[in-house]
Amino acid sequence: MQTFPIKSSTGRRAWNLIKGLRPTICFNQLSGIPQVSFQVRHFKVTVQDILVFLVGLNQPIIVAIDEFQQILSYLEKNTDALFRAMIQQLQIVRFLFSGSRQTLLLELFSNTKRPFYNSASPFKLEKISLEIYRDFIIEIFRQNGKILHQSLADEMPVWTKCQTYYVQHLCNRLFQLDKKISEQLDWRECAQRKIQEQEVFFYNYRSLMSKQQWRLPVAVAK
C-alpha cells in the first residue's frame, strides 16, 4: 500500500478530499451490523476533486466501485451521465464496477439509452469452489498450530452454502476455541450458538411481515 506524508503536497491534497466527506456510523435495523456511510458536499464537485487528484499522481490507477448500481438512486438527476462524462477523458485511470444487483447493473451497461451503454466488459464472479475454500481453511489453521481434518473443512462451507461472510465467521468461532485438534462437535456447537444469537433478529423479521408472508418461509423451512 502506498502512503503519502501529510505535509507533502500530495498528502495535503488527499487530506482536503477527506475533509469533504462526512462519515456517518449507524447500525442495520435487521442485522445489527455496524455500517459506515459517507456524505459528500456535492456529487459533481467531490468526484471531480477526486479524479483531478488521481490524475495528478501521474501513474496508472485502478478505481474499484462496489454496488455501482446505487448511482441510479442518487437524488441528483442524470448522475450516471455526469459521471460518465467525467471519466471518459481519463487516460491513466481505469475503473472496475461491481454490484450485487445484476438486473440494475445490466440496465446501466446494456440499455442503449444509458450513458454507460457498452462502456465496460462484463465479468460474472462465481462462488468460490468448495475445494479452494477447504484448502484455504486447513492451511490457515495449520499455520497457527491447529489441526483441522479435511472432512470438517468440507462440512462447514457446505453448511454455510459457501457464503463468504458465514464461512469465515464460523471458522473464526472454531479457531478461537482453545483446542489444537478440532472435532465435528466443535464446529456444530459454534454454528448452533450463532443461530441462537440471531434469534432476536429472526423475530424482528417476522414482525415486519404479514401473516401470509411469514407462512412462506415457514413452509420452506419445513
Protein backbone atom coordinates (compact mmCIF):
# COMPACT_ATOMS: atom_id res chain seq x y z
CA MET A 1 0.00 0.00 0.00
CA GLN A 2 1.31 3.45 -0.90
CA THR A 3 1.14 6.23 1.67
CA PHE A 4 1.64 9.98 1.42
CA PRO A 5 3.18 12.13 4.19
CA ILE A 6 0.52 14.56 5.42
CA LYS A 7 2.88 17.53 4.95
CA SER A 8 3.66 16.70 1.32
CA SER A 9 1.69 18.35 -1.49
CA THR A 10 0.04 15.01 -2.31
CA GLY A 11 -0.77 14.41 1.34
CA ARG A 12 -2.34 17.86 1.72
CA ARG A 13 -4.49 17.32 -1.36
CA ALA A 14 -5.60 13.92 -0.07
CA TRP A 15 -6.46 15.41 3.33
CA ASN A 16 -8.53 18.15 1.71
CA LEU A 17 -10.53 15.48 -0.11
CA ILE A 18 -11.09 13.52 3.10
CA LYS A 19 -12.32 16.61 4.90
CA GLY A 20 -15.03 16.96 2.27
CA LEU A 21 -16.51 13.61 3.30
CA ARG A 22 -18.76 13.34 6.35
CA PRO A 23 -18.76 9.81 7.78
CA THR A 24 -21.92 8.50 9.44
CA ILE A 25 -21.94 5.38 11.60
CA CYS A 26 -25.21 3.54 12.20
CA PHE A 27 -26.50 0.03 12.89
CA ASN A 28 -28.52 -2.05 10.46
CA GLN A 29 -32.01 -2.39 11.95
CA LEU A 30 -32.33 -6.03 10.92
CA SER A 31 -28.85 -7.49 11.34
CA GLY A 32 -27.43 -5.17 13.99
CA ILE A 33 -24.18 -4.92 12.00
CA PRO A 34 -22.44 -1.51 12.15
CA GLN A 35 -22.44 0.38 8.85
CA VAL A 36 -20.37 3.37 7.76
CA SER A 37 -21.53 5.73 5.06
CA PHE A 38 -20.08 8.96 3.69
CA GLN A 39 -21.98 12.09 2.80
CA VAL A 40 -20.45 14.42 0.24
CA ARG A 41 -20.76 18.18 -0.16
CA HIS A 42 -21.92 17.89 -3.73
CA PHE A 43 -21.57 14.94 -6.07
CA LYS A 44 -20.11 16.82 -9.02
CA VAL A 45 -17.61 18.88 -7.02
CA THR A 46 -16.45 15.97 -4.85
CA VAL A 47 -16.00 13.47 -7.70
CA GLN A 48 -14.19 16.00 -9.85
CA ASP A 49 -11.81 16.74 -6.97
CA ILE A 50 -11.08 13.04 -6.54
CA LEU A 51 -10.45 12.47 -10.26
CA VAL A 52 -8.17 15.50 -10.51
CA PHE A 53 -6.25 14.19 -7.50
CA LEU A 54 -5.84 10.73 -9.09
CA VAL A 55 -4.72 12.13 -12.44
CA GLY A 56 -2.23 14.34 -10.62
CA LEU A 57 -0.47 11.26 -9.21
CA ASN A 58 0.75 10.61 -12.77
CA GLN A 59 0.73 6.83 -12.51
CA PRO A 60 -1.65 4.06 -13.58
CA ILE A 61 -4.63 3.92 -11.21
CA ILE A 62 -7.46 1.38 -10.84
CA VAL A 63 -10.60 2.62 -9.10
CA ALA A 64 -12.97 -0.12 -7.89
CA ILE A 65 -16.55 0.97 -7.17
CA ASP A 66 -18.70 -1.56 -5.35
CA GLU A 67 -22.52 -1.59 -5.58
CA PHE A 68 -22.28 0.72 -8.56
CA GLN A 69 -25.99 0.30 -9.33
CA GLN A 70 -26.70 2.64 -6.41
CA ILE A 71 -25.91 5.51 -8.77
CA LEU A 72 -29.44 5.05 -10.10
CA SER A 73 -30.90 6.04 -6.74
CA TYR A 74 -28.95 9.28 -6.26
CA LEU A 75 -31.08 12.37 -5.75
CA GLU A 76 -29.21 14.29 -8.43
CA LYS A 77 -30.70 13.77 -11.87
CA ASN A 78 -28.65 12.08 -14.61
CA THR A 79 -25.85 11.23 -12.19
CA ASP A 80 -24.66 8.37 -14.40
CA ALA A 81 -24.40 10.75 -17.38
CA LEU A 82 -22.42 13.24 -15.31
CA PHE A 83 -20.05 10.57 -14.03
CA ARG A 84 -19.60 9.08 -17.49
CA ALA A 85 -18.66 12.49 -18.89
CA MET A 86 -16.09 12.95 -16.11
CA ILE A 87 -14.26 9.66 -16.59
CA GLN A 88 -14.46 9.41 -20.37
CA GLN A 89 -11.37 11.54 -20.97
CA LEU A 90 -9.15 9.93 -18.33
CA GLN A 91 -6.12 8.15 -19.78
CA ILE A 92 -4.32 6.61 -16.80
CA VAL A 93 -7.30 5.81 -14.54
CA ARG A 94 -9.20 2.56 -15.09
CA PHE A 95 -12.49 1.69 -13.44
CA LEU A 96 -13.85 -1.57 -12.05
CA PHE A 97 -17.62 -1.53 -11.45
CA SER A 98 -19.19 -4.23 -9.31
CA GLY A 99 -22.53 -4.83 -7.66
CA SER A 100 -24.84 -7.45 -6.19
CA ARG A 101 -27.97 -6.49 -8.13
CA GLN A 102 -27.35 -7.90 -11.57
CA THR A 103 -30.59 -6.58 -13.10
CA LEU A 104 -29.72 -2.96 -12.28
CA LEU A 105 -26.14 -3.35 -13.48
CA LEU A 106 -27.41 -4.72 -16.77
CA GLU A 107 -29.72 -1.73 -17.03
CA LEU A 108 -26.73 0.59 -16.69
CA PHE A 109 -24.47 -1.12 -19.21
CA SER A 110 -26.78 -2.78 -21.74
CA ASN A 111 -29.55 -0.22 -22.17
CA THR A 112 -28.82 1.81 -25.31
CA LYS A 113 -30.39 4.88 -23.69
CA ARG A 114 -27.94 4.85 -20.77
CA PRO A 115 -24.64 6.83 -20.81
CA PHE A 116 -22.65 3.74 -19.74
CA TYR A 117 -24.04 1.60 -22.56
CA ASN A 118 -21.42 -0.83 -23.83
CA SER A 119 -18.64 1.02 -22.00
CA ALA A 120 -17.33 -1.94 -19.99
CA SER A 121 -16.59 -5.61 -20.44
CA PRO A 122 -18.88 -7.80 -18.27
CA PHE A 123 -17.47 -10.45 -15.99
CA LYS A 124 -19.51 -12.59 -13.60
CA LEU A 125 -17.89 -13.76 -10.37
CA GLU A 126 -18.90 -17.28 -9.43
CA LYS A 127 -18.87 -18.70 -5.92
CA ILE A 128 -15.52 -19.78 -4.54
CA SER A 129 -15.25 -23.53 -5.11
CA LEU A 130 -15.51 -25.88 -2.16
CA GLU A 131 -12.05 -27.33 -2.84
CA ILE A 132 -10.36 -23.92 -2.77
CA TYR A 133 -12.17 -22.95 0.41
CA ARG A 134 -11.30 -26.25 2.06
CA ASP A 135 -7.59 -26.00 1.33
CA PHE A 136 -7.53 -22.34 2.43
CA ILE A 137 -9.22 -23.10 5.77
CA ILE A 138 -6.95 -26.06 6.52
CA GLU A 139 -3.84 -24.01 5.70
CA ILE A 140 -4.84 -21.09 7.95
CA PHE A 141 -5.38 -23.48 10.86
CA ARG A 142 -2.08 -25.26 10.11
CA GLN A 143 -0.10 -22.00 10.02
CA ASN A 144 -1.27 -21.28 13.54
CA GLY A 145 -0.54 -24.68 15.03
CA LYS A 146 -4.06 -26.08 14.79
CA ILE A 147 -5.28 -29.23 13.05
CA LEU A 148 -8.49 -29.29 11.01
CA HIS A 149 -9.24 -32.51 9.16
CA GLN A 150 -10.36 -32.35 5.55
CA SER A 151 -13.81 -33.77 6.27
CA LEU A 152 -14.58 -30.93 8.68
CA ALA A 153 -13.17 -28.32 6.31
CA ASP A 154 -15.63 -29.69 3.72
CA GLU A 155 -18.64 -29.69 6.03
CA MET A 156 -18.51 -26.06 7.14
CA PRO A 157 -18.60 -24.42 3.67
CA VAL A 158 -21.38 -26.81 2.67
CA TRP A 159 -23.40 -25.88 5.77
CA THR A 160 -22.92 -22.15 5.07
CA LYS A 161 -23.56 -22.66 1.33
CA CYS A 162 -20.11 -21.16 0.60
CA GLN A 163 -21.30 -17.66 1.55
CA THR A 164 -18.04 -15.91 2.36
CA TYR A 165 -19.24 -13.98 5.42
CA TYR A 166 -20.74 -17.06 7.09
CA VAL A 167 -17.84 -19.35 6.18
CA GLN A 168 -15.27 -17.02 7.71
CA HIS A 169 -17.46 -16.18 10.71
CA LEU A 170 -17.99 -19.85 11.56
CA CYS A 171 -14.32 -20.71 11.02
CA ASN A 172 -13.32 -17.77 13.21
CA ARG A 173 -15.53 -19.08 16.01
CA LEU A 174 -14.00 -22.52 15.70
CA PHE A 175 -10.47 -21.09 15.55
CA GLN A 176 -11.00 -19.23 18.84
CA LEU A 177 -11.61 -22.47 20.73
CA ASP A 178 -8.71 -23.48 22.93
CA LYS A 179 -8.19 -26.78 21.12
CA LYS A 180 -5.36 -27.91 18.87
CA ILE A 181 -7.45 -30.52 17.04
CA SER A 182 -10.99 -29.54 16.07
CA GLU A 183 -13.77 -32.12 16.01
CA GLN A 184 -17.14 -32.22 14.31
CA LEU A 185 -18.98 -31.49 17.55
CA ASP A 186 -16.93 -28.31 17.98
CA TRP A 187 -17.99 -26.59 14.76
CA ARG A 188 -21.58 -27.75 15.16
CA GLU A 189 -21.74 -26.15 18.60
CA CYS A 190 -20.27 -22.95 17.17
CA ALA A 191 -22.91 -22.99 14.45
CA GLN A 192 -25.71 -23.59 16.95
CA ARG A 193 -24.55 -20.70 19.14
CA LYS A 194 -24.52 -18.43 16.10
CA ILE A 195 -28.10 -19.39 15.25
CA GLN A 196 -29.20 -18.72 18.82
CA GLU A 197 -27.54 -15.29 18.75
CA GLN A 198 -29.54 -14.42 15.63
CA GLU A 199 -32.86 -15.47 17.15
CA VAL A 200 -33.83 -11.92 18.12
CA PHE A 201 -33.28 -10.73 14.54
CA PHE A 202 -35.41 -13.53 13.12
CA TYR A 203 -38.23 -12.48 15.43
CA ASN A 204 -37.82 -8.97 14.08
CA TYR A 205 -38.11 -10.26 10.52
CA ARG A 206 -41.38 -11.91 11.45
CA SER A 207 -42.78 -8.68 12.88
CA LEU A 208 -42.09 -6.93 9.57
CA MET A 209 -44.09 -9.48 7.57
CA SER A 210 -47.79 -10.07 7.19
CA LYS A 211 -49.20 -13.38 8.35
CA GLN A 212 -49.33 -14.68 4.79
CA GLN A 213 -45.78 -13.59 4.05
CA TRP A 214 -44.50 -15.33 7.18
CA ARG A 215 -46.17 -18.60 6.21
CA LEU A 216 -43.96 -18.87 3.12
CA PRO A 217 -40.53 -19.11 4.87
CA VAL A 218 -42.12 -21.38 7.48
CA ALA A 219 -43.30 -23.71 4.71
CA VAL A 220 -39.87 -23.62 3.02
CA ALA A 221 -38.17 -24.45 6.34
CA LYS A 222 -40.48 -27.41 6.90
